[in-house]
Amino acid sequence: MIRKYRLQLVLILIAIILISLGVIREEAFVVLGKSTRICLECIGIG
Protein backbone atom coordinates (compact mmCIF):
# COMPACT_ATOMS: atom_id res chain seq x y z
CA MET A 1 0.00 0.00 0.00
CA ILE A 2 2.76 2.46 0.92
CA ARG A 3 4.74 1.37 -2.14
CA LYS A 4 1.83 2.38 -4.37
CA TYR A 5 1.72 5.87 -2.86
CA ARG A 6 5.49 6.18 -3.13
CA LEU A 7 5.34 5.41 -6.86
CA GLN A 8 2.58 7.97 -7.34
CA LEU A 9 4.57 10.60 -5.45
CA VAL A 10 7.69 9.92 -7.53
CA LEU A 11 5.73 10.15 -10.79
CA ILE A 12 4.08 13.41 -9.71
CA LEU A 13 7.45 14.89 -8.77
CA ILE A 14 8.94 13.86 -12.12
CA ALA A 15 5.97 15.42 -13.93
CA ILE A 16 6.36 18.68 -12.00
CA ILE A 17 10.08 18.80 -12.79
CA LEU A 18 9.51 18.18 -16.50
CA ILE A 19 6.71 20.74 -16.72
CA SER A 20 8.91 23.28 -14.95
CA LEU A 21 11.76 22.65 -17.37
CA GLY A 22 9.40 23.15 -20.30
CA VAL A 23 8.16 26.44 -18.87
CA ILE A 24 11.70 27.65 -18.20
CA ARG A 25 12.72 26.83 -21.78
CA GLU A 26 9.55 28.57 -23.07
CA GLU A 27 8.41 25.47 -24.92
CA ALA A 28 4.77 26.25 -24.17
CA PHE A 29 4.88 29.00 -26.80
CA VAL A 30 6.33 26.60 -29.36
CA VAL A 31 3.60 24.03 -28.70
CA LEU A 32 0.89 26.69 -28.83
CA GLY A 33 2.20 27.99 -32.16
CA LYS A 34 2.32 24.52 -33.68
CA SER A 35 -1.16 23.64 -32.44
CA THR A 36 -2.54 26.89 -33.85
CA ARG A 37 -1.03 26.17 -37.28
CA ILE A 38 -2.41 22.62 -37.27
CA CYS A 39 -5.85 23.89 -36.27
CA LEU A 40 -5.87 26.51 -39.00
CA GLU A 41 -4.77 23.93 -41.58
CA CYS A 42 -7.58 21.57 -40.52
CA ILE A 43 -10.26 24.18 -41.11
CA GLY A 44 -8.63 25.31 -44.35
CA ILE A 45 -7.47 28.81 -43.45
CA GLY A 46 -3.71 28.28 -43.17
C-alpha atoms as a PDB file:
ATOM      1  CA  MET A   1       0.000   0.000   0.000  1.00  0.00           C
ATOM      2  CA  ILE A   2       2.759   2.457   0.921  1.00  0.00           C
ATOM      3  CA  ARG A   3       4.740   1.374  -2.141  1.00  0.00           C
ATOM      4  CA  LYS A   4       1.826   2.380  -4.373  1.00  0.00           C
ATOM      5  CA  TYR A   5       1.723   5.866  -2.865  1.00  0.00           C
ATOM      6  CA  ARG A   6       5.494   6.182  -3.127  1.00  0.00           C
ATOM      7  CA  LEU A   7       5.340   5.408  -6.856  1.00  0.00           C
ATOM      8  CA  GLN A   8       2.576   7.973  -7.336  1.00  0.00           C
ATOM      9  CA  LEU A   9       4.568  10.600  -5.454  1.00  0.00           C
ATOM     10  CA  VAL A  10       7.693   9.922  -7.526  1.00  0.00           C
ATOM     11  CA  LEU A  11       5.733  10.154 -10.785  1.00  0.00           C
ATOM     12  CA  ILE A  12       4.080  13.411  -9.709  1.00  0.00           C
ATOM     13  CA  LEU A  13       7.451  14.892  -8.765  1.00  0.00           C
ATOM     14  CA  ILE A  14       8.939  13.862 -12.117  1.00  0.00           C
ATOM     15  CA  ALA A  15       5.966  15.417 -13.933  1.00  0.00           C
ATOM     16  CA  ILE A  16       6.358  18.683 -11.997  1.00  0.00           C
ATOM     17  CA  ILE A  17      10.078  18.803 -12.787  1.00  0.00           C
ATOM     18  CA  LEU A  18       9.515  18.180 -16.504  1.00  0.00           C
ATOM     19  CA  ILE A  19       6.714  20.744 -16.724  1.00  0.00           C
ATOM     20  CA  SER A  20       8.909  23.283 -14.945  1.00  0.00           C
ATOM     21  CA  LEU A  21      11.761  22.653 -17.373  1.00  0.00           C
ATOM     22  CA  GLY A  22       9.399  23.154 -20.299  1.00  0.00           C
ATOM     23  CA  VAL A  23       8.158  26.445 -18.866  1.00  0.00           C
ATOM     24  CA  ILE A  24      11.703  27.653 -18.203  1.00  0.00           C
ATOM     25  CA  ARG A  25      12.716  26.827 -21.780  1.00  0.00           C
ATOM     26  CA  GLU A  26       9.550  28.575 -23.072  1.00  0.00           C
ATOM     27  CA  GLU A  27       8.413  25.469 -24.919  1.00  0.00           C
ATOM     28  CA  ALA A  28       4.770  26.247 -24.173  1.00  0.00           C
ATOM     29  CA  PHE A  29       4.877  29.003 -26.799  1.00  0.00           C
ATOM     30  CA  VAL A  30       6.328  26.604 -29.364  1.00  0.00           C
ATOM     31  CA  VAL A  31       3.604  24.033 -28.701  1.00  0.00           C
ATOM     32  CA  LEU A  32       0.887  26.692 -28.832  1.00  0.00           C
ATOM     33  CA  GLY A  33       2.204  27.989 -32.156  1.00  0.00           C
ATOM     34  CA  LYS A  34       2.321  24.516 -33.680  1.00  0.00           C
ATOM     35  CA  SER A  35      -1.159  23.643 -32.444  1.00  0.00           C
ATOM     36  CA  THR A  36      -2.540  26.889 -33.852  1.00  0.00           C
ATOM     37  CA  ARG A  37      -1.034  26.168 -37.280  1.00  0.00           C
ATOM     38  CA  ILE A  38      -2.407  22.622 -37.268  1.00  0.00           C
ATOM     39  CA  CYS A  39      -5.852  23.888 -36.273  1.00  0.00           C
ATOM     40  CA  LEU A  40      -5.868  26.506 -39.004  1.00  0.00           C
ATOM     41  CA  GLU A  41      -4.766  23.928 -41.583  1.00  0.00           C
ATOM     42  CA  CYS A  42      -7.579  21.572 -40.517  1.00  0.00           C
ATOM     43  CA  ILE A  43     -10.261  24.184 -41.113  1.00  0.00           C
ATOM     44  CA  GLY A  44      -8.633  25.314 -44.354  1.00  0.00           C
ATOM     45  CA  ILE A  45      -7.466  28.809 -43.446  1.00  0.00           C
ATOM     46  CA  GLY A  46      -3.713  28.280 -43.167  1.00  0.00           C
END
